[in-house]
PDB file of N, CA and C in Angstrom:
ATOM      1  N   MET A   1      -0.420  -7.006 -20.046  1.00  0.00           N
ATOM      2  CA  MET A   1      -1.366  -6.995 -18.946  1.00  0.00           C
ATOM      3  C   MET A   1      -0.691  -6.390 -17.716  1.00  0.00           C
ATOM      4  N   ALA A   2      -1.378  -5.486 -17.067  1.00  0.00           N
ATOM      5  CA  ALA A   2      -0.825  -4.815 -15.884  1.00  0.00           C
ATOM      6  C   ALA A   2      -0.820  -5.776 -14.693  1.00  0.00           C
ATOM      7  N   ALA A   3       0.159  -5.585 -13.832  1.00  0.00           N
ATOM      8  CA  ALA A   3       0.247  -6.373 -12.601  1.00  0.00           C
ATOM      9  C   ALA A   3      -0.921  -5.987 -11.685  1.00  0.00           C
ATOM     10  N   PHE A   4      -1.276  -6.889 -10.786  1.00  0.00           N
ATOM     11  CA  PHE A   4      -2.426  -6.668  -9.897  1.00  0.00           C
ATOM     12  C   PHE A   4      -2.318  -5.376  -9.098  1.00  0.00           C
ATOM     13  N   PHE A   5      -1.108  -4.941  -8.801  1.00  0.00           N
ATOM     14  CA  PHE A   5      -0.917  -3.799  -7.912  1.00  0.00           C
ATOM     15  C   PHE A   5      -0.871  -2.467  -8.647  1.00  0.00           C
ATOM     16  N   GLN A   6      -0.869  -2.498  -9.960  1.00  0.00           N
ATOM     17  CA  GLN A   6      -0.816  -1.258 -10.731  1.00  0.00           C
ATOM     18  C   GLN A   6      -2.222  -0.683 -10.883  1.00  0.00           C
ATOM     19  N   ASN A   7      -2.356   0.619 -10.708  1.00  0.00           N
ATOM     20  CA  ASN A   7      -3.604   1.342 -10.923  1.00  0.00           C
ATOM     21  C   ASN A   7      -4.792   0.702 -10.204  1.00  0.00           C
ATOM     22  N   LEU A   8      -4.709   0.645  -8.903  1.00  0.00           N
ATOM     23  CA  LEU A   8      -5.795   0.070  -8.103  1.00  0.00           C
ATOM     24  C   LEU A   8      -7.100   0.825  -8.263  1.00  0.00           C
ATOM     25  N   SER A   9      -7.014   2.086  -8.635  1.00  0.00           N
ATOM     26  CA  SER A   9      -8.224   2.900  -8.758  1.00  0.00           C
ATOM     27  C   SER A   9      -9.133   2.414  -9.880  1.00  0.00           C
ATOM     28  N   ARG A  10      -8.648   1.528 -10.749  1.00  0.00           N
ATOM     29  CA  ARG A  10      -9.502   1.014 -11.814  1.00  0.00           C
ATOM     30  C   ARG A  10     -10.692   0.221 -11.254  1.00  0.00           C
ATOM     31  N   PHE A  11     -10.587  -0.204  -9.982  1.00  0.00           N
ATOM     32  CA  PHE A  11     -11.677  -0.927  -9.337  1.00  0.00           C
ATOM     33  C   PHE A  11     -12.631   0.008  -8.599  1.00  0.00           C
ATOM     34  N   GLY A  12     -12.315   1.299  -8.628  1.00  0.00           N
ATOM     35  CA  GLY A  12     -13.217   2.327  -8.110  1.00  0.00           C
ATOM     36  C   GLY A  12     -13.600   2.195  -6.653  1.00  0.00           C
ATOM     37  N   LYS A  13     -14.898   2.213  -6.410  1.00  0.00           N
ATOM     38  CA  LYS A  13     -15.422   2.240  -5.042  1.00  0.00           C
ATOM     39  C   LYS A  13     -15.565   0.854  -4.418  1.00  0.00           C
ATOM     40  N   ALA A  14     -15.168  -0.178  -5.134  1.00  0.00           N
ATOM     41  CA  ALA A  14     -15.243  -1.524  -4.560  1.00  0.00           C
ATOM     42  C   ALA A  14     -14.348  -1.605  -3.323  1.00  0.00           C
ATOM     43  N   ARG A  15     -14.761  -2.377  -2.348  1.00  0.00           N
ATOM     44  CA  ARG A  15     -14.003  -2.509  -1.100  1.00  0.00           C
ATOM     45  C   ARG A  15     -12.684  -3.237  -1.360  1.00  0.00           C
ATOM     46  N   ALA A  16     -11.601  -2.596  -0.968  1.00  0.00           N
ATOM     47  CA  ALA A  16     -10.271  -3.183  -1.140  1.00  0.00           C
ATOM     48  C   ALA A  16      -9.798  -3.869   0.129  1.00  0.00           C
ATOM     49  N   VAL A  17     -10.031  -3.218   1.245  1.00  0.00           N
ATOM     50  CA  VAL A  17      -9.504  -3.731   2.514  1.00  0.00           C
ATOM     51  C   VAL A  17     -10.391  -3.264   3.670  1.00  0.00           C
ATOM     52  N   SER A  18     -10.481  -4.112   4.677  1.00  0.00           N
ATOM     53  CA  SER A  18     -11.189  -3.771   5.913  1.00  0.00           C
ATOM     54  C   SER A  18     -10.205  -3.894   7.063  1.00  0.00           C
ATOM     55  N   PHE A  19     -10.296  -2.990   8.011  1.00  0.00           N
ATOM     56  CA  PHE A  19      -9.351  -2.984   9.121  1.00  0.00           C
ATOM     57  C   PHE A  19     -10.002  -2.339  10.334  1.00  0.00           C
ATOM     58  N   PRO A  20      -9.559  -2.714  11.540  1.00  0.00           N
ATOM     59  CA  PRO A  20     -10.130  -2.108  12.740  1.00  0.00           C
ATOM     60  C   PRO A  20      -9.556  -0.708  12.973  1.00  0.00           C
ATOM     61  N   SER A  21     -10.419   0.211  13.357  1.00  0.00           N
ATOM     62  CA  SER A  21      -9.953   1.552  13.724  1.00  0.00           C
ATOM     63  C   SER A  21      -9.368   1.479  15.133  1.00  0.00           C
ATOM     64  N   GLN A  22      -8.838   2.590  15.617  1.00  0.00           N
ATOM     65  CA  GLN A  22      -8.283   2.621  16.974  1.00  0.00           C
ATOM     66  C   GLN A  22      -9.360   2.371  18.021  1.00  0.00           C
ATOM     67  N   SER A  23     -10.598   2.714  17.685  1.00  0.00           N
ATOM     68  CA  SER A  23     -11.706   2.479  18.622  1.00  0.00           C
ATOM     69  C   SER A  23     -12.239   1.053  18.526  1.00  0.00           C
ATOM     70  N   GLY A  24     -11.731   0.284  17.558  1.00  0.00           N
ATOM     71  CA  GLY A  24     -12.148  -1.100  17.406  1.00  0.00           C
ATOM     72  C   GLY A  24     -13.225  -1.317  16.351  1.00  0.00           C
ATOM     73  N   GLU A  25     -13.781  -0.227  15.827  1.00  0.00           N
ATOM     74  CA  GLU A  25     -14.786  -0.348  14.772  1.00  0.00           C
ATOM     75  C   GLU A  25     -14.128  -0.773  13.468  1.00  0.00           C
ATOM     76  N   LEU A  26     -14.836  -1.572  12.687  1.00  0.00           N
ATOM     77  CA  LEU A  26     -14.323  -2.015  11.402  1.00  0.00           C
ATOM     78  C   LEU A  26     -14.497  -0.901  10.381  1.00  0.00           C
ATOM     79  N   GLN A  27     -13.408  -0.539   9.727  1.00  0.00           N
ATOM     80  CA  GLN A  27     -13.441   0.486   8.680  1.00  0.00           C
ATOM     81  C   GLN A  27     -13.101  -0.174   7.352  1.00  0.00           C
ATOM     82  N   HIS A  28     -13.527   0.465   6.273  1.00  0.00           N
ATOM     83  CA  HIS A  28     -13.307  -0.065   4.935  1.00  0.00           C
ATOM     84  C   HIS A  28     -12.660   1.002   4.069  1.00  0.00           C
ATOM     85  N   LEU A  29     -11.838   0.545   3.152  1.00  0.00           N
ATOM     86  CA  LEU A  29     -11.173   1.445   2.214  1.00  0.00           C
ATOM     87  C   LEU A  29     -11.442   0.925   0.811  1.00  0.00           C
ATOM     88  N   SER A  30     -11.840   1.804  -0.087  1.00  0.00           N
ATOM     89  CA  SER A  30     -12.075   1.402  -1.474  1.00  0.00           C
ATOM     90  C   SER A  30     -10.736   1.324  -2.206  1.00  0.00           C
ATOM     91  N   TYR A  31     -10.771   0.726  -3.374  1.00  0.00           N
ATOM     92  CA  TYR A  31      -9.557   0.655  -4.178  1.00  0.00           C
ATOM     93  C   TYR A  31      -9.081   2.047  -4.575  1.00  0.00           C
ATOM     94  N   ALA A  32     -10.012   2.942  -4.876  1.00  0.00           N
ATOM     95  CA  ALA A  32      -9.638   4.310  -5.234  1.00  0.00           C
ATOM     96  C   ALA A  32      -8.947   5.006  -4.062  1.00  0.00           C
ATOM     97  N   GLU A  33      -9.468   4.809  -2.852  1.00  0.00           N
ATOM     98  CA  GLU A  33      -8.854   5.412  -1.661  1.00  0.00           C
ATOM     99  C   GLU A  33      -7.492   4.780  -1.377  1.00  0.00           C
ATOM    100  N   LEU A  34      -7.396   3.473  -1.570  1.00  0.00           N
ATOM    101  CA  LEU A  34      -6.119   2.788  -1.374  1.00  0.00           C
ATOM    102  C   LEU A  34      -5.081   3.316  -2.361  1.00  0.00           C
ATOM    103  N   GLN A  35      -5.482   3.531  -3.610  1.00  0.00           N
ATOM    104  CA  GLN A  35      -4.555   4.076  -4.602  1.00  0.00           C
ATOM    105  C   GLN A  35      -4.102   5.471  -4.222  1.00  0.00           C
ATOM    106  N   LYS A  36      -5.023   6.286  -3.699  1.00  0.00           N
ATOM    107  CA  LYS A  36      -4.661   7.641  -3.262  1.00  0.00           C
ATOM    108  C   LYS A  36      -3.594   7.579  -2.165  1.00  0.00           C
ATOM    109  N   ASN A  37      -3.768   6.672  -1.200  1.00  0.00           N
ATOM    110  CA  ASN A  37      -2.768   6.501  -0.140  1.00  0.00           C
ATOM    111  C   ASN A  37      -1.433   6.047  -0.717  1.00  0.00           C
ATOM    112  N   CYS A  38      -1.475   5.150  -1.687  1.00  0.00           N
ATOM    113  CA  CYS A  38      -0.241   4.681  -2.326  1.00  0.00           C
ATOM    114  C   CYS A  38       0.463   5.820  -3.053  1.00  0.00           C
ATOM    115  N   ASP A  39      -0.308   6.641  -3.749  1.00  0.00           N
ATOM    116  CA  ASP A  39       0.271   7.781  -4.467  1.00  0.00           C
ATOM    117  C   ASP A  39       0.973   8.736  -3.504  1.00  0.00           C
ATOM    118  N   GLU A  40       0.358   8.985  -2.355  1.00  0.00           N
ATOM    119  CA  GLU A  40       0.964   9.871  -1.356  1.00  0.00           C
ATOM    120  C   GLU A  40       2.265   9.262  -0.827  1.00  0.00           C
ATOM    121  N   PHE A  41       2.279   7.962  -0.610  1.00  0.00           N
ATOM    122  CA  PHE A  41       3.494   7.306  -0.123  1.00  0.00           C
ATOM    123  C   PHE A  41       4.576   7.315  -1.196  1.00  0.00           C
ATOM    124  N   LYS A  42       4.186   7.062  -2.443  1.00  0.00           N
ATOM    125  CA  LYS A  42       5.167   7.037  -3.539  1.00  0.00           C
ATOM    126  C   LYS A  42       5.902   8.365  -3.677  1.00  0.00           C
ATOM    127  N   ALA A  43       5.226   9.451  -3.357  1.00  0.00           N
ATOM    128  CA  ALA A  43       5.857  10.775  -3.459  1.00  0.00           C
ATOM    129  C   ALA A  43       7.048  10.908  -2.518  1.00  0.00           C
ATOM    130  N   GLN A  44       7.110  10.060  -1.488  1.00  0.00           N
ATOM    131  CA  GLN A  44       8.208  10.101  -0.522  1.00  0.00           C
ATOM    132  C   GLN A  44       9.370   9.174  -0.897  1.00  0.00           C
ATOM    133  N   LEU A  45       9.159   8.333  -1.905  1.00  0.00           N
ATOM    134  CA  LEU A  45      10.184   7.356  -2.283  1.00  0.00           C
ATOM    135  C   LEU A  45      11.258   7.996  -3.151  1.00  0.00           C
ATOM    136  N   PRO A  46      12.470   7.424  -3.138  1.00  0.00           N
ATOM    137  CA  PRO A  46      13.526   7.939  -4.003  1.00  0.00           C
ATOM    138  C   PRO A  46      13.147   7.796  -5.475  1.00  0.00           C
ATOM    139  N   ALA A  47      13.610   8.719  -6.291  1.00  0.00           N
ATOM    140  CA  ALA A  47      13.323   8.660  -7.725  1.00  0.00           C
ATOM    141  C   ALA A  47      14.082   7.517  -8.394  1.00  0.00           C
ATOM    142  N   THR A  48      15.263   7.209  -7.865  1.00  0.00           N
ATOM    143  CA  THR A  48      16.091   6.135  -8.406  1.00  0.00           C
ATOM    144  C   THR A  48      15.674   4.806  -7.791  1.00  0.00           C
ATOM    145  N   ARG A  49      15.548   3.803  -8.630  1.00  0.00           N
ATOM    146  CA  ARG A  49      15.158   2.468  -8.159  1.00  0.00           C
ATOM    147  C   ARG A  49      16.185   1.952  -7.161  1.00  0.00           C
ATOM    148  N   CYS A  50      15.712   1.534  -5.989  1.00  0.00           N
ATOM    149  CA  CYS A  50      16.606   0.996  -4.963  1.00  0.00           C
ATOM    150  C   CYS A  50      15.828   0.048  -4.048  1.00  0.00           C
ATOM    151  N   LEU A  51      16.560  -0.754  -3.315  1.00  0.00           N
ATOM    152  CA  LEU A  51      15.947  -1.695  -2.388  1.00  0.00           C
ATOM    153  C   LEU A  51      15.321  -0.925  -1.226  1.00  0.00           C
ATOM    154  N   ILE A  52      14.058  -1.231  -0.942  1.00  0.00           N
ATOM    155  CA  ILE A  52      13.334  -0.610   0.153  1.00  0.00           C
ATOM    156  C   ILE A  52      13.004  -1.691   1.180  1.00  0.00           C
ATOM    157  N   ALA A  53      13.398  -1.474   2.424  1.00  0.00           N
ATOM    158  CA  ALA A  53      13.071  -2.402   3.511  1.00  0.00           C
ATOM    159  C   ALA A  53      11.851  -1.868   4.250  1.00  0.00           C
ATOM    160  N   ILE A  54      10.904  -2.756   4.508  1.00  0.00           N
ATOM    161  CA  ILE A  54       9.688  -2.392   5.229  1.00  0.00           C
ATOM    162  C   ILE A  54       9.576  -3.293   6.451  1.00  0.00           C
ATOM    163  N   VAL A  55       9.510  -2.677   7.631  1.00  0.00           N
ATOM    164  CA  VAL A  55       9.248  -3.440   8.850  1.00  0.00           C
ATOM    165  C   VAL A  55       7.750  -3.691   8.872  1.00  0.00           C
ATOM    166  N   CYS A  56       7.374  -4.955   8.802  1.00  0.00           N
ATOM    167  CA  CYS A  56       5.974  -5.329   8.597  1.00  0.00           C
ATOM    168  C   CYS A  56       5.177  -5.422   9.886  1.00  0.00           C
ATOM    169  N   HIS A  57       3.982  -4.929   9.778  1.00  0.00           N
ATOM    170  CA  HIS A  57       2.944  -5.077  10.791  1.00  0.00           C
ATOM    171  C   HIS A  57       1.689  -5.483  10.032  1.00  0.00           C
ATOM    172  N   ASN A  58       0.741  -6.039  10.708  1.00  0.00           N
ATOM    173  CA  ASN A  58      -0.515  -6.409  10.073  1.00  0.00           C
ATOM    174  C   ASN A  58      -1.448  -5.212  10.130  1.00  0.00           C
ATOM    175  N   ASP A  59      -1.124  -4.187   9.300  1.00  0.00           N
ATOM    176  CA  ASP A  59      -1.897  -2.949   9.344  1.00  0.00           C
ATOM    177  C   ASP A  59      -1.925  -2.263   7.986  1.00  0.00           C
ATOM    178  N   LEU A  60      -2.739  -1.237   7.897  1.00  0.00           N
ATOM    179  CA  LEU A  60      -2.905  -0.498   6.655  1.00  0.00           C
ATOM    180  C   LEU A  60      -1.625   0.204   6.195  1.00  0.00           C
ATOM    181  N   PRO A  61      -0.885   0.888   7.068  1.00  0.00           N
ATOM    182  CA  PRO A  61       0.332   1.549   6.598  1.00  0.00           C
ATOM    183  C   PRO A  61       1.341   0.594   5.948  1.00  0.00           C
ATOM    184  N   THR A  62       1.462  -0.615   6.469  1.00  0.00           N
ATOM    185  CA  THR A  62       2.374  -1.585   5.857  1.00  0.00           C
ATOM    186  C   THR A  62       1.875  -1.977   4.467  1.00  0.00           C
ATOM    187  N   LEU A  63       0.577  -2.216   4.340  1.00  0.00           N
ATOM    188  CA  LEU A  63       0.011  -2.560   3.034  1.00  0.00           C
ATOM    189  C   LEU A  63       0.245  -1.437   2.029  1.00  0.00           C
ATOM    190  N   VAL A  64      -0.011  -0.211   2.443  1.00  0.00           N
ATOM    191  CA  VAL A  64       0.176   0.939   1.556  1.00  0.00           C
ATOM    192  C   VAL A  64       1.644   1.063   1.142  1.00  0.00           C
ATOM    193  N   ALA A  65       2.549   0.937   2.089  1.00  0.00           N
ATOM    194  CA  ALA A  65       3.983   1.044   1.776  1.00  0.00           C
ATOM    195  C   ALA A  65       4.401  -0.035   0.791  1.00  0.00           C
ATOM    196  N   TYR A  66       3.958  -1.264   1.018  1.00  0.00           N
ATOM    197  CA  TYR A  66       4.312  -2.376   0.140  1.00  0.00           C
ATOM    198  C   TYR A  66       3.787  -2.155  -1.277  1.00  0.00           C
ATOM    199  N   LEU A  67       2.512  -1.816  -1.405  1.00  0.00           N
ATOM    200  CA  LEU A  67       1.931  -1.598  -2.724  1.00  0.00           C
ATOM    201  C   LEU A  67       2.574  -0.407  -3.434  1.00  0.00           C
ATOM    202  N   ALA A  68       2.845   0.664  -2.700  1.00  0.00           N
ATOM    203  CA  ALA A  68       3.474   1.845  -3.297  1.00  0.00           C
ATOM    204  C   ALA A  68       4.864   1.519  -3.831  1.00  0.00           C
ATOM    205  N   CYS A  69       5.623   0.745  -3.077  1.00  0.00           N
ATOM    206  CA  CYS A  69       6.963   0.348  -3.542  1.00  0.00           C
ATOM    207  C   CYS A  69       6.869  -0.513  -4.791  1.00  0.00           C
ATOM    208  N   LEU A  70       5.936  -1.441  -4.816  1.00  0.00           N
ATOM    209  CA  LEU A  70       5.745  -2.271  -6.013  1.00  0.00           C
ATOM    210  C   LEU A  70       5.356  -1.407  -7.209  1.00  0.00           C
ATOM    211  N   GLN A  71       4.440  -0.468  -7.005  1.00  0.00           N
ATOM    212  CA  GLN A  71       4.007   0.401  -8.094  1.00  0.00           C
ATOM    213  C   GLN A  71       5.152   1.257  -8.624  1.00  0.00           C
ATOM    214  N   ALA A  72       6.047   1.660  -7.743  1.00  0.00           N
ATOM    215  CA  ALA A  72       7.194   2.488  -8.142  1.00  0.00           C
ATOM    216  C   ALA A  72       8.352   1.636  -8.664  1.00  0.00           C
ATOM    217  N   LEU A  73       8.144   0.315  -8.737  1.00  0.00           N
ATOM    218  CA  LEU A  73       9.124  -0.639  -9.258  1.00  0.00           C
ATOM    219  C   LEU A  73      10.389  -0.750  -8.412  1.00  0.00           C
ATOM    220  N   HIS A  74      10.256  -0.473  -7.124  1.00  0.00           N
ATOM    221  CA  HIS A  74      11.353  -0.671  -6.192  1.00  0.00           C
ATOM    222  C   HIS A  74      11.325  -2.112  -5.693  1.00  0.00           C
ATOM    223  N   PRO A  75      12.471  -2.787  -5.622  1.00  0.00           N
ATOM    224  CA  PRO A  75      12.481  -4.099  -4.960  1.00  0.00           C
ATOM    225  C   PRO A  75      12.219  -3.899  -3.476  1.00  0.00           C
ATOM    226  N   VAL A  76      11.486  -4.833  -2.877  1.00  0.00           N
ATOM    227  CA  VAL A  76      11.049  -4.683  -1.492  1.00  0.00           C
ATOM    228  C   VAL A  76      11.571  -5.832  -0.642  1.00  0.00           C
ATOM    229  N   LEU A  77      12.117  -5.489   0.517  1.00  0.00           N
ATOM    230  CA  LEU A  77      12.539  -6.466   1.509  1.00  0.00           C
ATOM    231  C   LEU A  77      11.601  -6.321   2.700  1.00  0.00           C
ATOM    232  N   LEU A  78      10.819  -7.369   2.973  1.00  0.00           N
ATOM    233  CA  LEU A  78       9.867  -7.337   4.081  1.00  0.00           C
ATOM    234  C   LEU A  78      10.545  -7.913   5.317  1.00  0.00           C
ATOM    235  N   LEU A  79      10.573  -7.131   6.387  1.00  0.00           N
ATOM    236  CA  LEU A  79      11.228  -7.526   7.623  1.00  0.00           C
ATOM    237  C   LEU A  79      10.222  -7.771   8.724  1.00  0.00           C
ATOM    238  N   ASP A  80      10.449  -8.823   9.493  1.00  0.00           N
ATOM    239  CA  ASP A  80       9.596  -9.115  10.649  1.00  0.00           C
ATOM    240  C   ASP A  80       9.761  -8.009  11.670  1.00  0.00           C
ATOM    241  N   GLN A  81       8.683  -7.625  12.313  1.00  0.00           N
ATOM    242  CA  GLN A  81       8.728  -6.532  13.286  1.00  0.00           C
ATOM    243  C   GLN A  81       9.534  -6.884  14.523  1.00  0.00           C
ATOM    244  N   GLN A  82       9.846  -8.171  14.722  1.00  0.00           N
ATOM    245  CA  GLN A  82      10.618  -8.551  15.885  1.00  0.00           C
ATOM    246  C   GLN A  82      12.044  -8.631  15.487  1.00  0.00           C
TER     247      GLN A  82
END
């Protein structure tokens, strides 16, 4: 059985996450769109498995980075932004 974070696009157009835009409007991202963002981030990761530190914020880029690292099988260290 695949882990929850693998192949998010299998859920298609279902809403994955909602977040405020810079203008304050609520925006939504489907699982397919979230997977696309993860794929783009994964392309920037090292090919060799290594520890990845992520400075966490309560935002979409942090979520994408975290999921992409998990999908690429990199161990992840989540750091407080302070």
